[in-house]
Amino acid sequence: MTTPIFLHMLGIPGAGKTTFINILQSNWIGKDQPTLLGFDQVMQSMAEYKAMDDKIAAFAQYEIPAREQGYQILNELMAKKRSLLFDNGGSAATHLDIMNRACDLGYTLILVSIKTPIEIAKRHVDQRSIIEGRHTPMQYLEDRAKKIENLIRSYRDLTPHFYEIQNDGLDVSSFEKSCYNLTQTLILKFGSQAA
């Protein structure tokens, strides 16, 4: 029997977590690709959210229901021992409990932290709001940066499979290359394990 993987992203909104996950998914080799779960994706799939033209109001109304639904989906996937790619910033201390539970269930834990200056992340959040209509309140960036910083040591202690990528925002192709290089390492190391 293969051991499922649980890859949890860490980083503030606009850091590049989804970019990393997209590169990993598009390069994954094996018959069974890990299941992607992200609360933004859960919210964007909600019919009620999609029906609202005002994405700021839609975010305010559906952020919490999407998060609740996301945690329910996460629990169901973990109960089935599905390999997971969790596109989440990791700012909630409860995620340490989730990761410990995953370890107890036999998952191999992988953490990928994307470090980005807040000013760069703000620019990314602005751009995706305009281009994708994906709203994130700006006050989340500093708040979540502090929370993640307070938790990072505890996350590091969970697994020997802790990776970090810098995204300085100056060279997109350089960041994407760093993402690609790490995804290749992860696929070689864990790809057959997740199958």
N, C-alpha and C. Protein backbone atom coordinates (compact mmCIF):
# COMPACT_ATOMS: atom_id res chain seq x y z
N MET A 1 0.85 -1.19 0.00
CA MET A 1 0.00 0.00 0.00
C MET A 1 0.89 1.25 0.00
N THR A 2 0.47 2.24 -0.77
CA THR A 2 1.24 3.48 -0.83
C THR A 2 0.85 4.40 0.32
N THR A 3 1.75 5.27 0.67
CA THR A 3 1.52 6.24 1.74
C THR A 3 1.02 7.54 1.12
N PRO A 4 -0.12 8.06 1.60
CA PRO A 4 -0.61 9.32 1.03
C PRO A 4 0.27 10.49 1.46
N ILE A 5 0.30 11.51 0.62
CA ILE A 5 1.02 12.74 0.97
C ILE A 5 0.03 13.84 1.30
N PHE A 6 0.44 14.73 2.17
CA PHE A 6 -0.34 15.92 2.50
C PHE A 6 0.61 17.09 2.35
N LEU A 7 0.48 17.80 1.22
CA LEU A 7 1.30 18.97 0.97
C LEU A 7 0.50 20.21 1.36
N HIS A 8 1.01 20.94 2.32
CA HIS A 8 0.35 22.15 2.82
C HIS A 8 1.21 23.35 2.43
N MET A 9 0.61 24.30 1.75
CA MET A 9 1.30 25.54 1.40
C MET A 9 1.30 26.47 2.62
N LEU A 10 2.27 27.37 2.67
CA LEU A 10 2.33 28.42 3.69
C LEU A 10 2.68 29.72 2.98
N GLY A 11 1.99 30.80 3.37
CA GLY A 11 2.32 32.09 2.78
C GLY A 11 1.13 33.03 2.81
N ILE A 12 1.43 34.31 2.76
CA ILE A 12 0.39 35.33 2.80
C ILE A 12 -0.35 35.35 1.46
N PRO A 13 -1.56 35.95 1.43
CA PRO A 13 -2.24 36.12 0.16
C PRO A 13 -1.34 36.87 -0.83
N GLY A 14 -1.32 36.41 -2.07
CA GLY A 14 -0.51 37.06 -3.09
C GLY A 14 0.93 36.63 -3.12
N ALA A 15 1.30 35.65 -2.29
CA ALA A 15 2.70 35.20 -2.22
C ALA A 15 3.11 34.39 -3.44
N GLY A 16 2.17 33.64 -4.02
CA GLY A 16 2.49 32.77 -5.14
C GLY A 16 2.18 31.31 -4.87
N LYS A 17 1.36 31.05 -3.84
CA LYS A 17 1.02 29.67 -3.48
C LYS A 17 0.29 28.95 -4.61
N THR A 18 -0.70 29.61 -5.18
CA THR A 18 -1.48 29.00 -6.25
C THR A 18 -0.62 28.80 -7.49
N THR A 19 0.28 29.73 -7.77
CA THR A 19 1.21 29.56 -8.89
C THR A 19 2.02 28.28 -8.70
N PHE A 20 2.55 28.09 -7.49
CA PHE A 20 3.32 26.88 -7.20
C PHE A 20 2.47 25.62 -7.40
N ILE A 21 1.27 25.62 -6.83
CA ILE A 21 0.37 24.45 -6.93
C ILE A 21 0.05 24.16 -8.39
N ASN A 22 -0.23 25.20 -9.19
CA ASN A 22 -0.55 25.00 -10.61
C ASN A 22 0.62 24.37 -11.35
N ILE A 23 1.84 24.81 -11.05
CA ILE A 23 3.03 24.23 -11.69
C ILE A 23 3.20 22.78 -11.26
N LEU A 24 2.99 22.51 -9.98
CA LEU A 24 3.10 21.13 -9.48
C LEU A 24 2.07 20.23 -10.15
N GLN A 25 0.83 20.68 -10.20
CA GLN A 25 -0.23 19.87 -10.82
C GLN A 25 0.05 19.60 -12.30
N SER A 26 0.49 20.62 -13.01
CA SER A 26 0.68 20.45 -14.46
C SER A 26 1.87 19.55 -14.79
N ASN A 27 2.76 19.34 -13.83
CA ASN A 27 3.93 18.49 -14.07
C ASN A 27 3.86 17.15 -13.35
N TRP A 28 2.78 16.91 -12.61
CA TRP A 28 2.67 15.68 -11.83
C TRP A 28 2.68 14.46 -12.75
N ILE A 29 3.43 13.46 -12.35
CA ILE A 29 3.50 12.21 -13.10
C ILE A 29 2.93 11.12 -12.21
N GLY A 30 2.18 10.24 -12.79
CA GLY A 30 1.61 9.14 -12.02
C GLY A 30 0.15 9.00 -12.33
N LYS A 31 -0.38 7.84 -12.00
CA LYS A 31 -1.78 7.59 -12.35
C LYS A 31 -2.75 8.36 -11.46
N ASP A 32 -2.36 8.61 -10.24
CA ASP A 32 -3.25 9.31 -9.31
C ASP A 32 -2.66 10.65 -8.90
N GLN A 33 -3.27 11.71 -9.39
CA GLN A 33 -2.82 13.04 -8.99
C GLN A 33 -3.44 13.38 -7.63
N PRO A 34 -2.66 13.97 -6.72
CA PRO A 34 -3.25 14.38 -5.44
C PRO A 34 -4.42 15.34 -5.67
N THR A 35 -5.36 15.30 -4.76
CA THR A 35 -6.53 16.17 -4.83
C THR A 35 -6.15 17.58 -4.36
N LEU A 36 -6.50 18.57 -5.17
CA LEU A 36 -6.27 19.97 -4.81
C LEU A 36 -7.46 20.48 -4.00
N LEU A 37 -7.16 21.12 -2.88
CA LEU A 37 -8.19 21.78 -2.10
C LEU A 37 -7.69 23.15 -1.68
N GLY A 38 -8.47 24.16 -2.05
CA GLY A 38 -8.18 25.53 -1.64
C GLY A 38 -9.51 26.23 -1.36
N PHE A 39 -9.55 27.01 -0.31
CA PHE A 39 -10.81 27.66 0.05
C PHE A 39 -11.23 28.71 -0.96
N ASP A 40 -10.27 29.35 -1.64
CA ASP A 40 -10.64 30.28 -2.72
C ASP A 40 -11.36 29.52 -3.83
N GLN A 41 -10.85 28.34 -4.16
CA GLN A 41 -11.49 27.54 -5.21
C GLN A 41 -12.88 27.07 -4.77
N VAL A 42 -13.01 26.72 -3.49
CA VAL A 42 -14.33 26.32 -2.97
C VAL A 42 -15.30 27.48 -3.12
N MET A 43 -14.87 28.68 -2.71
CA MET A 43 -15.74 29.85 -2.80
C MET A 43 -16.10 30.16 -4.25
N GLN A 44 -15.10 30.10 -5.13
CA GLN A 44 -15.35 30.43 -6.54
C GLN A 44 -16.25 29.41 -7.22
N SER A 45 -16.40 28.23 -6.63
CA SER A 45 -17.29 27.22 -7.23
C SER A 45 -18.73 27.34 -6.71
N MET A 46 -18.94 28.16 -5.69
CA MET A 46 -20.28 28.32 -5.12
C MET A 46 -21.16 29.14 -6.07
N ALA A 47 -22.32 28.60 -6.41
CA ALA A 47 -23.22 29.27 -7.35
C ALA A 47 -23.62 30.66 -6.85
N GLU A 48 -23.87 30.77 -5.55
CA GLU A 48 -24.29 32.05 -4.97
C GLU A 48 -23.19 33.10 -5.11
N TYR A 49 -21.95 32.68 -4.89
CA TYR A 49 -20.81 33.59 -5.03
C TYR A 49 -20.67 34.05 -6.48
N LYS A 50 -20.76 33.08 -7.40
CA LYS A 50 -20.62 33.40 -8.83
C LYS A 50 -21.71 34.35 -9.31
N ALA A 51 -22.89 34.25 -8.71
CA ALA A 51 -24.03 35.06 -9.15
C ALA A 51 -23.89 36.54 -8.77
N MET A 52 -23.02 36.84 -7.82
CA MET A 52 -22.86 38.23 -7.37
C MET A 52 -21.81 38.95 -8.21
N ASP A 53 -22.18 40.10 -8.75
CA ASP A 53 -21.24 40.90 -9.54
C ASP A 53 -20.22 41.62 -8.66
N ASP A 54 -20.65 42.05 -7.49
CA ASP A 54 -19.77 42.77 -6.57
C ASP A 54 -18.94 41.75 -5.79
N LYS A 55 -17.70 41.53 -6.21
CA LYS A 55 -16.86 40.48 -5.62
C LYS A 55 -16.41 40.84 -4.20
N ILE A 56 -16.38 42.12 -3.86
CA ILE A 56 -16.04 42.50 -2.49
C ILE A 56 -17.17 42.07 -1.56
N ALA A 57 -18.41 42.37 -1.95
CA ALA A 57 -19.57 41.95 -1.16
C ALA A 57 -19.69 40.42 -1.16
N ALA A 58 -19.41 39.80 -2.30
CA ALA A 58 -19.49 38.34 -2.38
C ALA A 58 -18.48 37.69 -1.45
N PHE A 59 -17.26 38.25 -1.41
CA PHE A 59 -16.23 37.72 -0.51
C PHE A 59 -16.70 37.84 0.94
N ALA A 60 -17.20 39.01 1.30
CA ALA A 60 -17.65 39.25 2.68
C ALA A 60 -18.75 38.26 3.07
N GLN A 61 -19.63 37.95 2.13
CA GLN A 61 -20.76 37.07 2.43
C GLN A 61 -20.38 35.59 2.41
N TYR A 62 -19.45 35.19 1.56
CA TYR A 62 -19.21 33.75 1.36
C TYR A 62 -17.85 33.24 1.83
N GLU A 63 -17.00 34.12 2.37
CA GLU A 63 -15.69 33.65 2.86
C GLU A 63 -15.86 32.59 3.95
N ILE A 64 -16.67 32.86 4.96
CA ILE A 64 -16.83 31.92 6.08
C ILE A 64 -17.54 30.64 5.63
N PRO A 65 -18.66 30.72 4.88
CA PRO A 65 -19.27 29.47 4.41
C PRO A 65 -18.32 28.63 3.55
N ALA A 66 -17.50 29.28 2.72
CA ALA A 66 -16.54 28.54 1.88
C ALA A 66 -15.49 27.87 2.75
N ARG A 67 -15.04 28.56 3.78
CA ARG A 67 -14.04 27.99 4.69
C ARG A 67 -14.63 26.78 5.42
N GLU A 68 -15.87 26.93 5.92
CA GLU A 68 -16.52 25.80 6.61
C GLU A 68 -16.68 24.61 5.68
N GLN A 69 -17.12 24.87 4.46
CA GLN A 69 -17.27 23.80 3.47
C GLN A 69 -15.91 23.19 3.15
N GLY A 70 -14.88 24.03 3.05
CA GLY A 70 -13.53 23.55 2.76
C GLY A 70 -13.01 22.61 3.83
N TYR A 71 -13.22 22.96 5.10
CA TYR A 71 -12.78 22.08 6.18
C TYR A 71 -13.55 20.76 6.18
N GLN A 72 -14.83 20.82 5.83
CA GLN A 72 -15.63 19.59 5.73
C GLN A 72 -15.07 18.69 4.62
N ILE A 73 -14.77 19.28 3.47
CA ILE A 73 -14.18 18.52 2.36
C ILE A 73 -12.83 17.95 2.78
N LEU A 74 -12.02 18.75 3.47
CA LEU A 74 -10.71 18.28 3.93
C LEU A 74 -10.86 17.06 4.84
N ASN A 75 -11.79 17.12 5.79
CA ASN A 75 -12.01 15.99 6.68
C ASN A 75 -12.43 14.74 5.92
N GLU A 76 -13.29 14.91 4.93
CA GLU A 76 -13.74 13.76 4.12
C GLU A 76 -12.58 13.16 3.33
N LEU A 77 -11.76 14.01 2.74
CA LEU A 77 -10.61 13.52 1.96
C LEU A 77 -9.59 12.83 2.86
N MET A 78 -9.37 13.38 4.05
CA MET A 78 -8.44 12.75 4.98
C MET A 78 -8.97 11.40 5.46
N ALA A 79 -10.27 11.30 5.68
CA ALA A 79 -10.86 10.03 6.11
C ALA A 79 -10.66 8.95 5.04
N LYS A 80 -10.64 9.38 3.77
CA LYS A 80 -10.41 8.44 2.65
C LYS A 80 -8.92 8.25 2.37
N LYS A 81 -8.08 8.97 3.12
CA LYS A 81 -6.62 8.94 2.95
C LYS A 81 -6.19 9.28 1.53
N ARG A 82 -6.85 10.29 0.97
CA ARG A 82 -6.47 10.79 -0.35
C ARG A 82 -5.23 11.66 -0.22
N SER A 83 -4.33 11.55 -1.17
CA SER A 83 -3.20 12.48 -1.20
C SER A 83 -3.73 13.87 -1.51
N LEU A 84 -3.18 14.88 -0.83
CA LEU A 84 -3.74 16.23 -0.88
C LEU A 84 -2.70 17.29 -1.19
N LEU A 85 -3.14 18.28 -1.96
CA LEU A 85 -2.41 19.53 -2.15
C LEU A 85 -3.31 20.60 -1.54
N PHE A 86 -2.93 21.12 -0.38
CA PHE A 86 -3.76 22.07 0.36
C PHE A 86 -3.26 23.48 0.10
N ASP A 87 -3.99 24.20 -0.75
CA ASP A 87 -3.64 25.57 -1.14
C ASP A 87 -4.22 26.52 -0.10
N ASN A 88 -3.47 26.71 0.98
CA ASN A 88 -3.92 27.51 2.10
C ASN A 88 -2.69 28.17 2.72
N GLY A 89 -2.86 29.37 3.27
CA GLY A 89 -1.72 30.11 3.80
C GLY A 89 -1.14 29.59 5.10
N GLY A 90 -1.94 28.86 5.88
CA GLY A 90 -1.44 28.30 7.13
C GLY A 90 -1.37 29.28 8.28
N SER A 91 -2.18 30.33 8.24
CA SER A 91 -2.12 31.34 9.31
C SER A 91 -2.90 30.93 10.56
N ALA A 92 -3.75 29.93 10.45
CA ALA A 92 -4.54 29.48 11.61
C ALA A 92 -3.79 28.40 12.37
N ALA A 93 -3.64 28.59 13.67
CA ALA A 93 -2.92 27.61 14.51
C ALA A 93 -3.59 26.24 14.48
N THR A 94 -4.87 26.20 14.16
CA THR A 94 -5.58 24.91 14.08
C THR A 94 -5.00 24.01 12.98
N HIS A 95 -4.27 24.61 12.05
CA HIS A 95 -3.67 23.79 10.98
C HIS A 95 -2.55 22.91 11.51
N LEU A 96 -1.95 23.29 12.62
CA LEU A 96 -0.98 22.40 13.26
C LEU A 96 -1.68 21.12 13.72
N ASP A 97 -2.89 21.28 14.27
CA ASP A 97 -3.68 20.10 14.68
C ASP A 97 -4.05 19.25 13.47
N ILE A 98 -4.42 19.91 12.37
CA ILE A 98 -4.76 19.18 11.15
C ILE A 98 -3.56 18.38 10.67
N MET A 99 -2.39 19.00 10.68
CA MET A 99 -1.18 18.31 10.22
C MET A 99 -0.81 17.16 11.15
N ASN A 100 -0.97 17.35 12.45
CA ASN A 100 -0.71 16.26 13.39
C ASN A 100 -1.68 15.10 13.18
N ARG A 101 -2.94 15.44 12.92
CA ARG A 101 -3.94 14.39 12.65
C ARG A 101 -3.57 13.65 11.37
N ALA A 102 -3.13 14.39 10.35
CA ALA A 102 -2.72 13.76 9.09
C ALA A 102 -1.55 12.80 9.34
N CYS A 103 -0.63 13.22 10.17
CA CYS A 103 0.51 12.36 10.52
C CYS A 103 0.02 11.08 11.20
N ASP A 104 -0.92 11.24 12.14
CA ASP A 104 -1.50 10.08 12.83
C ASP A 104 -2.21 9.13 11.87
N LEU A 105 -2.75 9.68 10.78
CA LEU A 105 -3.44 8.87 9.78
C LEU A 105 -2.46 8.21 8.80
N GLY A 106 -1.19 8.50 8.94
CA GLY A 106 -0.19 7.87 8.09
C GLY A 106 0.27 8.68 6.89
N TYR A 107 -0.11 9.94 6.84
CA TYR A 107 0.32 10.80 5.74
C TYR A 107 1.80 11.15 5.88
N THR A 108 2.46 11.33 4.75
CA THR A 108 3.76 11.99 4.72
C THR A 108 3.48 13.47 4.58
N LEU A 109 3.98 14.27 5.52
CA LEU A 109 3.72 15.71 5.52
C LEU A 109 4.80 16.44 4.75
N ILE A 110 4.35 17.35 3.87
CA ILE A 110 5.24 18.20 3.09
C ILE A 110 4.74 19.63 3.26
N LEU A 111 5.64 20.53 3.60
CA LEU A 111 5.28 21.94 3.74
C LEU A 111 6.11 22.76 2.78
N VAL A 112 5.43 23.64 2.04
CA VAL A 112 6.10 24.54 1.10
C VAL A 112 5.72 25.96 1.48
N SER A 113 6.71 26.72 1.92
CA SER A 113 6.50 28.11 2.33
C SER A 113 6.98 29.04 1.23
N ILE A 114 6.12 29.97 0.84
CA ILE A 114 6.48 30.99 -0.14
C ILE A 114 6.65 32.30 0.62
N LYS A 115 7.87 32.81 0.65
CA LYS A 115 8.19 34.05 1.36
C LYS A 115 8.14 35.21 0.36
N THR A 116 7.30 36.19 0.66
CA THR A 116 7.11 37.35 -0.22
C THR A 116 6.98 38.61 0.62
N PRO A 117 7.66 39.68 0.26
CA PRO A 117 7.44 40.96 0.97
C PRO A 117 5.98 41.41 0.83
N ILE A 118 5.45 42.00 1.88
CA ILE A 118 4.05 42.41 1.88
C ILE A 118 3.74 43.37 0.74
N GLU A 119 4.63 44.29 0.42
CA GLU A 119 4.37 45.25 -0.67
C GLU A 119 4.23 44.53 -2.02
N ILE A 120 5.01 43.51 -2.23
CA ILE A 120 4.91 42.73 -3.48
C ILE A 120 3.60 41.96 -3.49
N ALA A 121 3.24 41.35 -2.37
CA ALA A 121 1.99 40.60 -2.28
C ALA A 121 0.79 41.51 -2.51
N LYS A 122 0.85 42.74 -1.99
CA LYS A 122 -0.25 43.69 -2.22
C LYS A 122 -0.44 43.93 -3.72
N ARG A 123 0.67 44.08 -4.43
CA ARG A 123 0.59 44.29 -5.88
C ARG A 123 -0.05 43.08 -6.56
N HIS A 124 0.34 41.88 -6.15
CA HIS A 124 -0.23 40.66 -6.73
C HIS A 124 -1.73 40.56 -6.44
N VAL A 125 -2.12 40.88 -5.20
CA VAL A 125 -3.53 40.83 -4.82
C VAL A 125 -4.33 41.83 -5.64
N ASP A 126 -3.79 43.04 -5.84
CA ASP A 126 -4.46 44.04 -6.69
C ASP A 126 -4.64 43.53 -8.12
N GLN A 127 -3.57 42.96 -8.67
CA GLN A 127 -3.61 42.47 -10.05
C GLN A 127 -4.64 41.36 -10.22
N ARG A 128 -4.66 40.40 -9.31
CA ARG A 128 -5.60 39.29 -9.48
C ARG A 128 -7.04 39.74 -9.23
N SER A 129 -7.22 40.78 -8.42
CA SER A 129 -8.55 41.32 -8.21
C SER A 129 -9.08 41.91 -9.52
N ILE A 130 -8.21 42.61 -10.24
CA ILE A 130 -8.59 43.22 -11.52
C ILE A 130 -8.76 42.16 -12.60
N ILE A 131 -7.79 41.27 -12.70
CA ILE A 131 -7.78 40.29 -13.80
C ILE A 131 -8.75 39.14 -13.56
N GLU A 132 -8.75 38.59 -12.35
CA GLU A 132 -9.55 37.39 -12.07
C GLU A 132 -10.84 37.69 -11.31
N GLY A 133 -10.97 38.90 -10.78
CA GLY A 133 -12.13 39.21 -9.94
C GLY A 133 -12.06 38.51 -8.59
N ARG A 134 -10.86 38.15 -8.16
CA ARG A 134 -10.66 37.40 -6.91
C ARG A 134 -10.25 38.40 -5.83
N HIS A 135 -11.16 38.69 -4.91
CA HIS A 135 -10.93 39.72 -3.89
C HIS A 135 -10.27 39.14 -2.64
N THR A 136 -9.33 39.88 -2.09
CA THR A 136 -8.73 39.60 -0.79
C THR A 136 -8.56 40.93 -0.07
N PRO A 137 -9.11 41.07 1.13
CA PRO A 137 -8.92 42.32 1.88
C PRO A 137 -7.44 42.56 2.18
N MET A 138 -6.96 43.77 1.93
CA MET A 138 -5.55 44.10 2.12
C MET A 138 -5.09 43.93 3.57
N GLN A 139 -6.00 44.15 4.53
CA GLN A 139 -5.59 44.02 5.94
C GLN A 139 -5.22 42.58 6.29
N TYR A 140 -5.64 41.62 5.47
CA TYR A 140 -5.28 40.22 5.72
C TYR A 140 -3.77 40.00 5.59
N LEU A 141 -3.11 40.76 4.73
CA LEU A 141 -1.71 40.48 4.45
C LEU A 141 -0.82 40.63 5.68
N GLU A 142 -0.87 41.77 6.34
CA GLU A 142 -0.02 41.97 7.53
C GLU A 142 -0.45 41.06 8.67
N ASP A 143 -1.75 40.92 8.87
CA ASP A 143 -2.26 40.05 9.93
C ASP A 143 -1.78 38.61 9.73
N ARG A 144 -1.92 38.11 8.53
CA ARG A 144 -1.53 36.72 8.27
C ARG A 144 -0.01 36.55 8.27
N ALA A 145 0.71 37.57 7.84
CA ALA A 145 2.18 37.49 7.89
C ALA A 145 2.64 37.30 9.33
N LYS A 146 2.06 38.04 10.26
CA LYS A 146 2.42 37.91 11.68
C LYS A 146 2.05 36.53 12.22
N LYS A 147 0.86 36.07 11.88
CA LYS A 147 0.42 34.76 12.37
C LYS A 147 1.31 33.63 11.84
N ILE A 148 1.62 33.68 10.56
CA ILE A 148 2.48 32.65 9.97
C ILE A 148 3.87 32.69 10.61
N GLU A 149 4.39 33.89 10.80
CA GLU A 149 5.72 34.03 11.42
C GLU A 149 5.74 33.41 12.81
N ASN A 150 4.64 33.57 13.55
CA ASN A 150 4.55 32.99 14.90
C ASN A 150 4.43 31.47 14.87
N LEU A 151 3.97 30.90 13.77
CA LEU A 151 3.74 29.46 13.67
C LEU A 151 4.84 28.71 12.92
N ILE A 152 5.70 29.43 12.21
CA ILE A 152 6.63 28.80 11.27
C ILE A 152 7.53 27.77 11.95
N ARG A 153 8.01 28.05 13.13
CA ARG A 153 8.88 27.09 13.83
C ARG A 153 8.11 25.80 14.13
N SER A 154 6.87 25.94 14.56
CA SER A 154 6.05 24.75 14.85
C SER A 154 5.80 23.94 13.58
N TYR A 155 5.57 24.64 12.47
CA TYR A 155 5.41 23.93 11.19
C TYR A 155 6.69 23.19 10.83
N ARG A 156 7.82 23.86 10.98
CA ARG A 156 9.12 23.23 10.65
C ARG A 156 9.35 21.96 11.48
N ASP A 157 8.89 21.99 12.73
CA ASP A 157 9.09 20.84 13.62
C ASP A 157 8.22 19.64 13.26
N LEU A 158 7.21 19.84 12.44
CA LEU A 158 6.30 18.75 12.08
C LEU A 158 6.90 17.73 11.12
N THR A 159 7.81 18.17 10.27
CA THR A 159 8.27 17.29 9.20
C THR A 159 9.67 17.65 8.73
N PRO A 160 10.42 16.65 8.29
CA PRO A 160 11.71 16.97 7.67
C PRO A 160 11.54 17.49 6.24
N HIS A 161 10.32 17.42 5.72
CA HIS A 161 10.04 17.83 4.34
C HIS A 161 9.47 19.25 4.33
N PHE A 162 10.30 20.20 4.74
CA PHE A 162 9.93 21.61 4.77
C PHE A 162 10.77 22.33 3.73
N TYR A 163 10.09 23.03 2.81
CA TYR A 163 10.78 23.72 1.72
C TYR A 163 10.36 25.18 1.71
N GLU A 164 11.25 26.03 1.26
CA GLU A 164 10.96 27.46 1.21
C GLU A 164 11.42 28.05 -0.12
N ILE A 165 10.57 28.88 -0.69
CA ILE A 165 10.89 29.59 -1.93
C ILE A 165 10.72 31.08 -1.68
N GLN A 166 11.64 31.86 -2.20
CA GLN A 166 11.54 33.32 -2.12
C GLN A 166 10.85 33.83 -3.39
N ASN A 167 9.95 34.77 -3.22
CA ASN A 167 9.32 35.45 -4.35
C ASN A 167 9.47 36.95 -4.11
N ASP A 168 10.51 37.52 -4.71
CA ASP A 168 10.76 38.95 -4.50
C ASP A 168 9.94 39.83 -5.43
N GLY A 169 9.20 39.20 -6.35
CA GLY A 169 8.32 39.94 -7.24
C GLY A 169 9.01 40.67 -8.36
N LEU A 170 10.33 40.59 -8.43
CA LEU A 170 11.08 41.34 -9.44
C LEU A 170 11.16 40.60 -10.77
N ASP A 171 11.15 39.29 -10.71
CA ASP A 171 11.33 38.50 -11.92
C ASP A 171 10.41 37.28 -11.86
N VAL A 172 9.26 37.39 -12.53
CA VAL A 172 8.27 36.32 -12.50
C VAL A 172 8.84 35.02 -13.03
N SER A 173 9.61 35.08 -14.12
CA SER A 173 10.14 33.85 -14.69
C SER A 173 11.13 33.18 -13.74
N SER A 174 11.87 33.95 -12.97
CA SER A 174 12.79 33.38 -11.98
C SER A 174 12.01 32.67 -10.87
N PHE A 175 10.92 33.29 -10.40
CA PHE A 175 10.08 32.66 -9.39
C PHE A 175 9.47 31.38 -9.93
N GLU A 176 8.92 31.44 -11.15
CA GLU A 176 8.32 30.25 -11.74
C GLU A 176 9.35 29.14 -11.94
N LYS A 177 10.58 29.51 -12.27
CA LYS A 177 11.64 28.51 -12.41
C LYS A 177 11.95 27.86 -11.06
N SER A 178 11.99 28.67 -10.00
CA SER A 178 12.20 28.12 -8.65
C SER A 178 11.07 27.17 -8.28
N CYS A 179 9.84 27.55 -8.62
CA CYS A 179 8.69 26.68 -8.37
C CYS A 179 8.84 25.38 -9.15
N TYR A 180 9.17 25.49 -10.42
CA TYR A 180 9.33 24.31 -11.27
C TYR A 180 10.41 23.38 -10.71
N ASN A 181 11.55 23.95 -10.33
CA ASN A 181 12.64 23.13 -9.80
C ASN A 181 12.21 22.38 -8.54
N LEU A 182 11.50 23.06 -7.64
CA LEU A 182 11.05 22.38 -6.43
C LEU A 182 9.99 21.33 -6.76
N THR A 183 9.09 21.64 -7.70
CA THR A 183 8.07 20.63 -8.04
C THR A 183 8.73 19.37 -8.60
N GLN A 184 9.79 19.53 -9.38
CA GLN A 184 10.49 18.36 -9.91
C GLN A 184 11.10 17.53 -8.77
N THR A 185 11.67 18.20 -7.79
CA THR A 185 12.22 17.50 -6.62
C THR A 185 11.12 16.74 -5.89
N LEU A 186 9.99 17.40 -5.68
CA LEU A 186 8.88 16.77 -4.96
C LEU A 186 8.29 15.60 -5.74
N ILE A 187 8.15 15.76 -7.05
CA ILE A 187 7.60 14.68 -7.87
C ILE A 187 8.53 13.47 -7.85
N LEU A 188 9.82 13.71 -7.97
CA LEU A 188 10.77 12.59 -7.93
C LEU A 188 10.76 11.90 -6.57
N LYS A 189 10.64 12.69 -5.52
CA LYS A 189 10.70 12.14 -4.17
C LYS A 189 9.39 11.50 -3.72
N PHE A 190 8.26 12.10 -4.11
CA PHE A 190 6.98 11.67 -3.56
C PHE A 190 5.94 11.24 -4.60
N GLY A 191 6.23 11.41 -5.89
CA GLY A 191 5.24 11.12 -6.93
C GLY A 191 4.73 9.70 -6.90
N SER A 192 5.61 8.73 -6.83
CA SER A 192 5.16 7.33 -6.82
C SER A 192 4.52 6.98 -5.49
N GLN A 193 4.92 7.69 -4.43
CA GLN A 193 4.35 7.43 -3.10
C GLN A 193 2.88 7.81 -3.06
N ALA A 194 2.51 8.89 -3.77
CA ALA A 194 1.13 9.37 -3.72
C ALA A 194 0.21 8.58 -4.63
N ALA A 195 0.77 7.77 -5.51
CA ALA A 195 -0.04 7.03 -6.49
C ALA A 195 -0.89 5.97 -5.83
